[in-house]
């Protein structure tokens, strides 16, 4: 365990507040592998009486044996006692442990215990209702299998439904926390690093702040001996039996197949055979089904209407740059690694990191929204894309595809924010600003927020039109930290989008 835990202040406050609750407390913690659940729990237990049981894949008999040893190790008083022979006795013993303070008991990778004995949750439920709920313990069930945790532990059909004090899905670190791993990196290099690692602590720790982005990628990802060279294969094997099917889907998205129909066509199956597997990838946060701002409710319930993107940054990097060059990297010399970097990666990093930069800018806007530092107060903010009707020079009306990096609407008024984010090695120019004005024209009041890695050209800086806000990179990477007055549900509003791009509020 590291001496200092980076980030996770919100989670630590949440868990400490639960710890102060009287009586028994049951918590479910889950999230993708490598996201830092175990390290967080180790830091949370510091200074508290605790038992940490790392649950591996074992037979029921051996699972009971090792779990018994973990419980007995809490105090020398229990030394020499024989292992429990059933789970009822083992769980009942947790409530009889003696301590002046609440005891934290963590079962890490709890799904492995369920695999050993599927009756574990029903046994625990019965004991929780009759004994453990009043015991001075905090029981944390932790797992990396998102689907299993949600289906068997947290669902309304689960034995433990209604018993949890709370369940919490741990996500990767925000950009602001991730940058603390690299205090000497420029913001440009940090955005690229964040895009590659996806804010996952395990990957951030593999990259060394003393090395350049290039050197870290070559040493840790591209080189056959790199510690992250087999990461995707390992994670896929842990989640899926038919790894090849899911890898094919991820590779298809990486090459630009962003709909389920396009994926099925590329993989020579036109009957949406892969939809179920796509949904599995979405559920475990490897893939995201993205819908535009103002999309109709019925559209957001259809996978066929979604824009599919690889949500996990590390997977996105791997399937875009590494998978197509596997033959050149496996068992080859360093000059092959250098060639892959120079030929395929180096000049495409800014384009690759653009989506991560958009996410950072949107997070910045959310923080301003929480601090009441915007001209509007929105419920949600996201990308928009769709068809708009434009009039050509000869007076004809044509349908044109457009997209905007961020769109938000005031909760109570017809006032909007349109935002554009440019992570390029050139200033935001006046032509790009004019293009934004015409992408989705509206009669309502609009504020335009521009974000650019290389700043803005002279014409943009001198423009004195209404409602134009140029956001410096210093501002983006140093957002206000004022405690929000009120929090808002990011999905509080629903809208319908007409074919021409005009907006009307949904009657749903």
Protein backbone atom coordinates (compact mmCIF):
# COMPACT_ATOMS: atom_id res chain seq x y z
CA UNK A 1 0.00 0.00 0.00
CA UNK A 2 1.28 3.44 -0.91
CA UNK A 3 1.77 6.03 1.82
CA UNK A 4 -0.46 8.56 0.05
CA UNK A 5 -3.76 7.91 -1.70
CA UNK A 6 -4.23 10.26 -4.65
CA UNK A 7 -7.79 11.45 -5.09
CA UNK A 8 -10.83 9.63 -3.70
CA UNK A 9 -11.68 12.39 -1.21
CA UNK A 10 -15.38 12.07 -1.97
CA UNK A 11 -15.31 8.29 -1.52
CA UNK A 12 -13.35 8.55 1.72
CA UNK A 13 -15.85 11.00 3.20
CA UNK A 14 -18.73 8.79 2.09
CA UNK A 15 -17.29 5.65 3.69
CA UNK A 16 -16.22 7.44 6.87
CA UNK A 17 -19.72 8.84 7.31
CA UNK A 18 -21.13 5.33 7.00
CA UNK A 19 -18.57 4.08 9.51
CA UNK A 20 -19.92 6.51 12.10
CA UNK A 21 -23.42 5.04 11.78
CA UNK A 22 -24.63 3.01 14.74
CA UNK A 23 -25.19 -0.71 14.34
CA UNK A 24 -24.27 -2.94 11.44
CA UNK A 25 -23.49 -1.37 8.07
CA UNK A 26 -23.47 -3.34 4.81
CA UNK A 27 -21.84 -1.72 1.75
CA UNK A 28 -21.34 -2.90 -1.80
CA UNK A 29 -18.31 -1.55 -3.67
CA UNK A 30 -17.63 -2.44 -7.29
CA UNK A 31 -15.92 -1.21 -10.43
CA UNK A 32 -13.65 -2.31 -13.27
CA UNK A 33 -10.39 -4.06 -12.50
CA UNK A 34 -7.40 -1.76 -11.87
CA UNK A 35 -9.59 1.18 -10.81
CA UNK A 36 -8.12 1.20 -7.28
CA UNK A 37 -10.82 -0.37 -5.08
CA UNK A 38 -8.45 -2.46 -2.97
CA UNK A 39 -5.96 0.36 -2.40
CA UNK A 40 -8.78 2.69 -1.41
CA UNK A 41 -10.13 0.16 1.11
CA UNK A 42 -6.66 -0.37 2.58
CA UNK A 43 -6.35 3.38 3.20
CA UNK A 44 -9.89 3.55 4.56
CA UNK A 45 -9.05 0.87 7.14
CA UNK A 46 -6.02 2.72 8.48
CA UNK A 47 -6.54 3.42 12.18
CA UNK A 48 -9.65 1.22 12.34
CA UNK A 49 -9.96 -2.36 13.62
CA UNK A 50 -10.32 -4.35 10.42
CA UNK A 51 -10.24 -7.71 8.68
CA UNK A 52 -9.31 -7.91 5.01
CA UNK A 53 -10.04 -11.15 3.17
CA UNK A 54 -8.81 -11.36 -0.46
CA UNK A 55 -11.20 -13.89 -1.92
CA UNK A 56 -9.62 -16.08 -4.62
CA UNK A 57 -11.16 -18.83 -6.75
CA UNK A 58 -11.21 -21.86 -4.44
CA UNK A 59 -13.38 -24.81 -3.56
CA UNK A 60 -16.03 -24.21 -0.91
CA UNK A 61 -14.02 -26.18 1.67
CA UNK A 62 -10.83 -24.19 1.11
CA UNK A 63 -12.75 -20.92 0.95
CA UNK A 64 -14.14 -21.58 4.43
CA UNK A 65 -10.70 -22.55 5.69
CA UNK A 66 -8.98 -19.35 4.55
CA UNK A 67 -11.89 -17.13 5.56
CA UNK A 68 -11.78 -18.69 9.04
CA UNK A 69 -8.06 -17.93 9.27
CA UNK A 70 -8.69 -14.29 8.29
CA UNK A 71 -11.33 -13.92 11.02
CA UNK A 72 -9.19 -15.61 13.69
CA UNK A 73 -6.19 -13.39 12.82
CA UNK A 74 -8.13 -10.43 14.20
CA UNK A 75 -7.11 -11.36 17.74
CA UNK A 76 -4.75 -13.79 19.45
CA UNK A 77 -7.75 -14.87 21.51
CA UNK A 78 -8.99 -16.92 18.56
CA UNK A 79 -5.64 -18.54 17.77
CA UNK A 80 -5.82 -22.29 17.33
CA UNK A 81 -9.56 -22.54 16.72
CA UNK A 82 -10.59 -25.04 14.02
CA UNK A 83 -11.92 -23.75 10.67
CA UNK A 84 -15.65 -23.27 10.31
CA UNK A 85 -17.48 -26.06 8.53
CA UNK A 86 -20.36 -23.95 7.21
CA UNK A 87 -21.00 -20.35 6.21
CA UNK A 88 -23.74 -19.78 8.75
CA UNK A 89 -21.24 -20.28 11.57
CA UNK A 90 -18.56 -18.21 9.85
CA UNK A 91 -20.81 -15.21 9.23
CA UNK A 92 -22.38 -15.44 12.69
CA UNK A 93 -18.86 -15.27 14.17
CA UNK A 94 -18.32 -11.86 12.52
CA UNK A 95 -20.98 -10.34 14.77
CA UNK A 96 -19.37 -11.81 17.88
CA UNK A 97 -15.92 -10.31 17.38
CA UNK A 98 -14.97 -8.13 20.31
CA UNK A 99 -13.82 -4.53 19.86
CA UNK A 100 -14.43 -1.12 21.40
CA UNK A 101 -14.81 0.34 17.90
CA UNK A 102 -16.79 -0.71 14.85
CA UNK A 103 -14.92 -3.48 13.02
CA UNK A 104 -14.47 -3.17 9.27
CA UNK A 105 -14.69 -6.54 7.51
CA UNK A 106 -13.83 -6.53 3.82
CA UNK A 107 -14.42 -9.46 1.49
CA UNK A 108 -12.51 -8.48 -1.63
CA UNK A 109 -13.62 -10.05 -4.94
CA UNK A 110 -16.77 -11.37 -3.29
CA UNK A 111 -17.99 -12.98 -6.57
CA UNK A 112 -15.36 -15.68 -6.04
CA UNK A 113 -17.08 -16.63 -2.79
CA UNK A 114 -20.37 -16.90 -4.68
CA UNK A 115 -18.74 -19.19 -7.21
CA UNK A 116 -17.63 -21.45 -4.37
CA UNK A 117 -21.13 -21.59 -2.88
CA UNK A 118 -24.16 -19.94 -4.50
CA UNK A 119 -26.05 -20.05 -1.17
CA UNK A 120 -23.69 -17.55 0.46
CA UNK A 121 -25.93 -14.53 -0.16
CA UNK A 122 -29.09 -16.18 1.18
CA UNK A 123 -27.21 -17.31 4.30
CA UNK A 124 -25.81 -13.82 4.79
CA UNK A 125 -29.23 -12.24 4.25
CA UNK A 126 -30.84 -14.36 6.95
CA UNK A 127 -28.10 -13.59 9.46
CA UNK A 128 -28.09 -9.89 8.58
CA UNK A 129 -31.80 -9.62 9.28
CA UNK A 130 -31.63 -11.42 12.63
CA UNK A 131 -28.17 -10.70 14.09
CA UNK A 132 -25.63 -8.76 12.06
CA UNK A 133 -27.72 -5.64 11.43
CA UNK A 134 -27.38 -4.76 15.10
CA UNK A 135 -23.73 -5.86 15.41
CA UNK A 136 -20.92 -3.33 15.62
CA UNK A 137 -19.46 -4.19 12.21
CA UNK A 138 -19.10 -2.58 8.80
CA UNK A 139 -19.19 -5.34 6.18
CA UNK A 140 -17.94 -4.34 2.70
CA UNK A 141 -18.51 -6.69 -0.21
CA UNK A 142 -16.19 -5.70 -3.02
CA UNK A 143 -16.03 -7.00 -6.59
CA UNK A 144 -14.69 -6.31 -10.08
CA UNK A 145 -17.34 -8.26 -11.97
CA UNK A 146 -19.80 -5.44 -12.62
CA UNK A 147 -22.50 -7.62 -14.14
CA UNK A 148 -22.39 -10.19 -11.34
CA UNK A 149 -22.41 -7.58 -8.59
CA UNK A 150 -25.35 -5.76 -10.15
CA UNK A 151 -27.33 -8.89 -11.02
CA UNK A 152 -26.80 -11.08 -7.97
CA UNK A 153 -26.15 -8.59 -5.18
CA UNK A 154 -27.81 -5.28 -5.99
CA UNK A 155 -30.83 -6.19 -8.10
CA UNK A 156 -34.36 -6.38 -6.73
CA UNK A 157 -34.18 -10.16 -7.17
CA UNK A 158 -31.00 -10.46 -5.11
CA UNK A 159 -31.03 -11.96 -1.60
CA UNK A 160 -29.39 -8.84 -0.15
CA UNK A 161 -31.63 -6.28 -1.82
CA UNK A 162 -32.69 -3.61 0.68
CA UNK A 163 -29.93 -4.48 3.15
CA UNK A 164 -27.16 -2.28 1.78
CA UNK A 165 -26.49 1.05 3.45
CA UNK A 166 -25.33 2.06 -0.01
CA UNK A 167 -23.74 0.54 -3.10
CA UNK A 168 -21.01 2.49 -4.86
CA UNK A 169 -19.49 2.09 -8.31
CA UNK A 170 -15.90 3.33 -8.28
CA UNK A 171 -14.91 5.10 -11.48
CA UNK A 172 -11.48 6.11 -12.84
CA UNK A 173 -9.91 9.28 -11.48
CA UNK A 174 -10.83 12.69 -12.81
CA UNK A 175 -8.27 14.60 -14.83
CA UNK A 176 -7.57 16.91 -11.90
CA UNK A 177 -6.62 13.95 -9.69
CA UNK A 178 -4.77 12.07 -12.42
CA UNK A 179 -2.48 15.02 -13.10
CA UNK A 180 -1.16 14.74 -9.52
CA UNK A 181 0.77 11.66 -10.67
CA UNK A 182 2.78 13.84 -13.08
CA UNK A 183 3.49 17.20 -11.42
CA UNK A 184 6.13 18.19 -14.00
CA UNK A 185 4.17 17.29 -17.14
CA UNK A 186 2.83 20.07 -19.31
CA UNK A 187 -0.95 20.20 -19.59
CA UNK A 188 -0.64 19.06 -23.21
CA UNK A 189 1.34 15.94 -22.29
CA UNK A 190 -0.92 15.32 -19.31
CA UNK A 191 -4.06 15.35 -21.47
CA UNK A 192 -2.43 12.83 -23.81
CA UNK A 193 -1.39 10.66 -20.84
CA UNK A 194 -4.88 10.90 -19.38
CA UNK A 195 -6.38 9.89 -22.73
CA UNK A 196 -4.13 6.82 -22.90
CA UNK A 197 -4.60 5.68 -19.30
CA UNK A 198 -8.25 6.65 -18.98
CA UNK A 199 -7.59 7.89 -15.45
CA UNK A 200 -7.17 4.32 -14.18
CA UNK A 201 -4.76 4.44 -11.20
CA UNK A 202 -2.99 1.18 -12.06
CA UNK A 203 -2.02 2.52 -15.49
CA UNK A 204 -1.08 5.94 -14.18
CA UNK A 205 1.27 4.25 -11.70
CA UNK A 206 2.94 2.21 -14.46
CA UNK A 207 3.83 5.41 -16.32
CA UNK A 208 6.81 7.16 -14.73
CA UNK A 209 6.74 10.96 -14.26
CA UNK A 210 10.48 11.07 -14.95
CA UNK A 211 9.93 9.70 -18.48
CA UNK A 212 8.39 11.33 -21.53
CA UNK A 213 5.01 10.21 -22.87
CA UNK A 214 6.82 8.56 -25.78
CA UNK A 215 9.16 6.64 -23.51
CA UNK A 216 6.35 5.50 -21.22
CA UNK A 217 4.25 4.24 -24.12
CA UNK A 218 7.18 2.40 -25.67
CA UNK A 219 8.43 0.85 -22.43
CA UNK A 220 5.12 -0.08 -20.79
CA UNK A 221 2.71 -0.75 -23.67
CA UNK A 222 4.48 -1.42 -26.95
CA UNK A 223 7.51 -3.40 -25.78
CA UNK A 224 6.87 -7.16 -25.37
CA UNK A 225 8.29 -6.97 -21.85
CA UNK A 226 6.19 -3.97 -20.86
CA UNK A 227 4.00 -4.33 -17.79
CA UNK A 228 0.93 -3.27 -19.76
CA UNK A 229 1.72 -5.23 -22.91
CA UNK A 230 -0.61 -8.12 -21.97
CA UNK A 231 -3.15 -6.01 -20.07
CA UNK A 232 -5.97 -6.11 -22.62
CA UNK A 233 -5.64 -9.86 -23.13
CA UNK A 234 -5.70 -10.40 -19.35
CA UNK A 235 -8.75 -8.23 -18.73
CA UNK A 236 -10.69 -9.72 -21.62
CA UNK A 237 -9.97 -13.24 -20.39
CA UNK A 238 -11.21 -12.32 -16.92
CA UNK A 239 -14.51 -10.97 -18.24
CA UNK A 240 -15.38 -13.23 -21.18
CA UNK A 241 -15.20 -16.84 -22.26
CA UNK A 242 -15.25 -16.06 -25.98
CA UNK A 243 -12.55 -13.40 -26.01
CA UNK A 244 -12.30 -13.35 -29.79
CA UNK A 245 -15.89 -12.22 -30.30
CA UNK A 246 -15.51 -9.24 -27.97
CA UNK A 247 -12.11 -8.33 -29.39
CA UNK A 248 -13.60 -8.30 -32.88
CA UNK A 249 -16.30 -5.87 -31.71
CA UNK A 250 -13.77 -3.56 -30.05
CA UNK A 251 -11.54 -3.61 -33.11
CA UNK A 252 -14.53 -2.80 -35.33
CA UNK A 253 -15.40 0.25 -33.25
CA UNK A 254 -11.75 1.34 -33.27
CA UNK A 255 -11.69 1.38 -37.09
CA UNK A 256 -14.85 3.50 -37.29
CA UNK A 257 -17.82 1.13 -37.09
CA UNK A 258 -19.86 3.17 -34.63
CA UNK A 259 -23.25 1.48 -34.95
CA UNK A 260 -24.37 -2.06 -34.25
CA UNK A 261 -25.36 -2.50 -37.91
CA UNK A 262 -21.91 -1.43 -39.11
CA UNK A 263 -20.26 -3.85 -36.68
CA UNK A 264 -22.47 -6.73 -37.80
CA UNK A 265 -21.78 -5.97 -41.46
CA UNK A 266 -18.02 -5.84 -40.91
CA UNK A 267 -18.13 -9.17 -39.08
CA UNK A 268 -20.31 -10.73 -41.79
CA UNK A 269 -23.45 -11.05 -39.71
CA UNK A 270 -26.39 -8.91 -40.73
CA UNK A 271 -28.93 -10.07 -38.14
CA UNK A 272 -27.63 -8.06 -35.18
CA UNK A 273 -26.08 -11.23 -33.78
CA UNK A 274 -23.58 -9.13 -31.84
CA UNK A 275 -26.05 -6.82 -30.08
CA UNK A 276 -26.07 -8.88 -26.87
CA UNK A 277 -22.28 -8.88 -26.74
CA UNK A 278 -22.17 -5.14 -27.41
CA UNK A 279 -24.50 -4.61 -24.45
CA UNK A 280 -22.13 -6.63 -22.25
CA UNK A 281 -19.24 -4.37 -23.27
CA UNK A 282 -21.38 -1.33 -22.49
CA UNK A 283 -22.31 -2.70 -19.09
CA UNK A 284 -18.72 -3.15 -17.96
CA UNK A 285 -17.77 0.34 -19.20
CA UNK A 286 -15.50 -0.76 -22.03
CA UNK A 287 -17.91 0.65 -24.62
CA UNK A 288 -20.35 3.56 -24.40
CA UNK A 289 -23.63 3.91 -26.28
CA UNK A 290 -23.71 7.63 -26.95
CA UNK A 291 -26.84 9.59 -27.86
CA UNK A 292 -26.98 13.26 -28.89
CA UNK A 293 -28.34 16.04 -26.76
CA UNK A 294 -32.07 16.49 -27.34
CA UNK A 295 -32.49 12.90 -28.55
CA UNK A 296 -36.00 11.52 -28.22
CA UNK A 297 -36.56 9.17 -25.30
CA UNK A 298 -37.53 6.30 -27.59
CA UNK A 299 -34.25 6.76 -29.49
CA UNK A 300 -32.10 6.44 -26.36
CA UNK A 301 -33.68 3.06 -25.60
CA UNK A 302 -32.55 1.59 -28.91
CA UNK A 303 -29.04 0.23 -29.36
CA UNK A 304 -29.42 0.54 -33.13
CA UNK A 305 -29.73 4.33 -32.73
CA UNK A 306 -26.60 4.68 -30.58
CA UNK A 307 -23.21 5.98 -31.57
CA UNK A 308 -20.84 3.38 -30.14
CA UNK A 309 -17.43 4.49 -28.88
CA UNK A 310 -14.73 2.75 -26.88
CA UNK A 311 -15.24 4.35 -23.49
CA UNK A 312 -12.15 2.95 -21.75
CA UNK A 313 -9.11 5.06 -22.67
CA UNK A 314 -6.55 2.27 -22.47
CA UNK A 315 -8.68 -0.05 -24.61
CA UNK A 316 -9.23 2.75 -27.11
CA UNK A 317 -5.47 3.27 -27.44
CA UNK A 318 -4.78 -0.46 -27.68
CA UNK A 319 -7.32 -1.26 -30.37
CA UNK A 320 -6.50 1.84 -32.40
CA UNK A 321 -2.71 1.64 -32.40
CA UNK A 322 -1.51 -1.73 -31.07
CA UNK A 323 -3.93 -4.35 -32.43
CA UNK A 324 -3.39 -3.37 -36.11
CA UNK A 325 0.39 -3.69 -35.59
CA UNK A 326 0.53 -6.83 -33.44
CA UNK A 327 2.60 -8.80 -35.95
CA UNK A 328 5.21 -6.05 -36.00
CA UNK A 329 5.48 -5.90 -32.22
CA UNK A 330 5.42 -9.51 -31.03
CA UNK A 331 8.91 -10.79 -30.37
CA UNK A 332 10.56 -8.05 -32.40
CA UNK A 333 13.41 -5.69 -31.62
CA UNK A 334 13.22 -2.17 -30.23
CA UNK A 335 13.55 -0.64 -33.70
CA UNK A 336 10.15 -2.13 -34.54
CA UNK A 337 8.67 -0.37 -31.52
CA UNK A 338 10.29 2.89 -32.63
CA UNK A 339 8.91 2.44 -36.13
CA UNK A 340 5.35 1.82 -34.89
CA UNK A 341 5.58 4.95 -32.74
CA UNK A 342 6.99 7.13 -35.52
CA UNK A 343 4.72 5.81 -38.27
CA UNK A 344 1.34 5.29 -36.61
CA UNK A 345 1.19 6.94 -33.20
CA UNK A 346 3.26 10.13 -32.85
CA UNK A 347 1.41 12.28 -35.38
CA UNK A 348 -2.03 10.98 -34.36
CA UNK A 349 -1.86 11.54 -30.60
CA UNK A 350 -3.61 14.90 -30.64
CA UNK A 351 -6.47 13.47 -32.68
CA UNK A 352 -6.64 10.48 -30.32
CA UNK A 353 -6.67 12.70 -27.22
CA UNK A 354 -9.32 15.07 -28.59
CA UNK A 355 -12.25 13.15 -27.06
CA UNK A 356 -10.55 13.10 -23.65
CA UNK A 357 -9.97 16.85 -23.96
CA UNK A 358 -13.69 17.33 -24.68
CA UNK A 359 -14.51 15.36 -21.53
CA UNK A 360 -12.15 17.55 -19.49
CA UNK A 361 -13.78 20.70 -20.86
CA UNK A 362 -17.26 19.34 -20.13
CA UNK A 363 -16.19 18.52 -16.56
CA UNK A 364 -14.94 22.09 -16.27
CA UNK A 365 -18.35 23.37 -17.36
CA UNK A 366 -20.08 21.09 -14.87
CA UNK A 367 -17.93 22.54 -12.11
CA UNK A 368 -18.81 26.08 -13.18
CA UNK A 369 -22.45 25.04 -13.21
CA UNK A 370 -22.20 23.72 -9.64
CA UNK A 371 -20.59 26.97 -8.58
CA UNK A 372 -23.24 29.13 -10.27
CA UNK A 373 -20.53 30.64 -12.47
CA UNK A 374 -22.33 30.34 -15.82
CA UNK A 375 -24.98 32.53 -17.44
CA UNK A 376 -27.35 29.55 -17.30
CA UNK A 377 -27.99 26.64 -14.92
CA UNK A 378 -28.23 23.40 -16.87
CA UNK A 379 -29.41 19.94 -15.97
CA UNK A 380 -27.14 18.10 -18.38
CA UNK A 381 -24.47 18.78 -20.98
CA UNK A 382 -23.32 16.56 -23.82
CA UNK A 383 -22.45 16.37 -27.51
CA UNK A 384 -25.00 17.02 -30.24
CA UNK A 385 -25.05 15.71 -33.78
CA UNK A 386 -27.72 15.44 -36.40
CA UNK A 387 -29.10 16.73 -39.67
CA UNK A 388 -29.78 20.42 -40.31
CA UNK A 389 -31.31 22.14 -43.33
CA UNK A 390 -29.05 24.74 -44.96
CA UNK A 391 -29.68 27.10 -47.85
CA UNK A 392 -27.08 26.96 -50.60
CA UNK A 393 -25.87 29.96 -52.63
CA UNK A 394 -28.32 29.12 -55.42
CA UNK A 395 -31.24 29.10 -52.97
CA UNK A 396 -31.64 25.35 -52.65
CA UNK A 397 -32.23 23.69 -49.29
CA UNK A 398 -29.97 20.79 -48.49
CA UNK A 399 -29.69 18.48 -45.52
CA UNK A 400 -26.29 18.55 -43.87
CA UNK A 401 -24.74 16.50 -41.04
CA UNK A 402 -23.33 18.60 -38.21
CA UNK A 403 -22.07 18.10 -34.69
CA UNK A 404 -21.21 20.29 -31.69
CA UNK A 405 -18.79 19.26 -28.95
CA UNK A 406 -21.02 20.40 -26.09
CA UNK A 407 -24.56 21.69 -25.77
CA UNK A 408 -26.45 22.68 -22.62
CA UNK A 409 -29.81 24.33 -22.01
CA UNK A 410 -30.95 26.37 -19.05
CA UNK A 411 -33.28 24.43 -16.79
CA UNK A 412 -36.03 27.04 -16.90
CA UNK A 413 -35.36 29.32 -19.88
CA UNK A 414 -34.68 28.95 -23.61
CA UNK A 415 -31.05 29.90 -23.23
CA UNK A 416 -28.29 27.63 -24.52
CA UNK A 417 -24.57 27.08 -24.37
CA UNK A 418 -22.73 25.76 -27.44
CA UNK A 419 -19.10 24.79 -26.95
CA UNK A 420 -16.27 23.77 -29.27
CA UNK A 421 -13.03 22.13 -28.09
CA UNK A 422 -9.89 22.08 -30.23
CA UNK A 423 -6.93 19.95 -29.12
CA UNK A 424 -4.74 20.86 -32.06
CA UNK A 425 -1.33 22.41 -32.69
CA UNK A 426 -2.90 25.55 -34.15
CA UNK A 427 -5.02 28.39 -32.76
CA UNK A 428 -8.81 28.39 -32.91
CA UNK A 429 -9.47 30.52 -36.00
CA UNK A 430 -12.28 32.80 -37.10
CA UNK A 431 -13.43 30.37 -39.78
CA UNK A 432 -14.06 27.73 -37.11
CA UNK A 433 -16.04 30.26 -35.07
CA UNK A 434 -18.20 31.15 -38.09
CA UNK A 435 -18.80 27.44 -38.70
CA UNK A 436 -20.04 27.05 -35.13
CA UNK A 437 -22.50 29.91 -35.59
CA UNK A 438 -24.11 28.17 -38.56
CA UNK A 439 -24.10 24.57 -37.33
CA UNK A 440 -27.40 24.72 -35.50
CA UNK A 441 -28.97 28.17 -35.81
CA UNK A 442 -31.68 29.02 -33.29
CA UNK A 443 -33.82 32.00 -32.43
CA UNK A 444 -33.18 31.57 -28.71
CA UNK A 445 -30.35 33.21 -26.82
CA UNK A 446 -27.03 31.36 -27.16
CA UNK A 447 -23.69 31.64 -25.37
CA UNK A 448 -20.65 30.31 -27.23
CA UNK A 449 -17.77 28.83 -25.22
CA UNK A 450 -14.52 28.13 -27.07
CA UNK A 451 -11.68 25.94 -25.80
CA UNK A 452 -8.35 25.61 -27.58
CA UNK A 453 -5.00 24.06 -26.72
CA UNK A 454 -3.11 26.68 -28.76
CA UNK A 455 -5.30 29.67 -27.96
CA UNK A 456 -7.16 31.83 -30.48
CA UNK A 457 -6.16 33.80 -33.54
CA UNK A 458 -6.31 37.60 -33.63
CA UNK A 459 -9.70 37.79 -35.35
CA UNK A 460 -11.34 35.58 -32.74
CA UNK A 461 -9.75 37.54 -29.90
CA UNK A 462 -10.92 40.86 -31.32
CA UNK A 463 -14.45 39.75 -32.09
CA UNK A 464 -16.86 41.67 -29.90
CA UNK A 465 -20.07 39.81 -30.68
CA UNK A 466 -22.47 38.98 -27.87
CA UNK A 467 -22.18 35.93 -25.71
CA UNK A 468 -18.73 34.74 -26.80
CA UNK A 469 -16.49 33.31 -24.07
CA UNK A 470 -12.87 32.32 -24.76
CA UNK A 471 -11.70 29.87 -22.13
CA UNK A 472 -7.97 29.73 -21.48
CA UNK A 473 -6.20 26.47 -20.79
CA UNK A 474 -5.15 27.85 -17.43
CA UNK A 475 -8.82 28.14 -16.50
CA UNK A 476 -9.69 24.65 -17.77
CA UNK A 477 -6.89 23.03 -15.83
CA UNK A 478 -7.52 25.11 -12.70
CA UNK A 479 -11.31 24.99 -12.20
CA UNK A 480 -12.93 26.71 -9.21
CA UNK A 481 -13.17 24.50 -6.14
CA UNK A 482 -16.06 26.29 -4.45
CA UNK A 483 -18.37 23.88 -2.65
CA UNK A 484 -21.51 23.63 -4.79
CA UNK A 485 -24.62 25.28 -3.44
CA UNK A 486 -26.85 22.62 -4.91
CA UNK A 487 -26.26 19.49 -6.92
CA UNK A 488 -28.30 18.53 -9.95
CA UNK A 489 -29.17 15.26 -11.62
CA UNK A 490 -27.23 15.30 -14.93
CA UNK A 491 -30.08 13.48 -16.68
CA UNK A 492 -32.94 15.47 -15.19
CA UNK A 493 -34.37 16.74 -18.48
CA UNK A 494 -35.71 14.99 -21.57
CA UNK A 495 -36.03 16.59 -24.98
CA UNK A 496 -37.37 15.67 -28.38
CA UNK A 497 -35.39 16.54 -31.49
CA UNK A 498 -37.19 17.30 -34.73
CA UNK A 499 -35.80 16.20 -38.06
CA UNK A 500 -34.59 19.72 -38.84
CA UNK A 501 -32.71 20.00 -35.57
CA UNK A 502 -35.22 22.29 -33.89
CA UNK A 503 -36.02 21.56 -30.28
CA UNK A 504 -39.24 21.11 -28.44
CA UNK A 505 -39.64 19.97 -24.89
CA UNK A 506 -40.85 16.43 -24.50
CA UNK A 507 -44.33 15.75 -23.25
CA UNK A 508 -43.12 12.50 -21.65
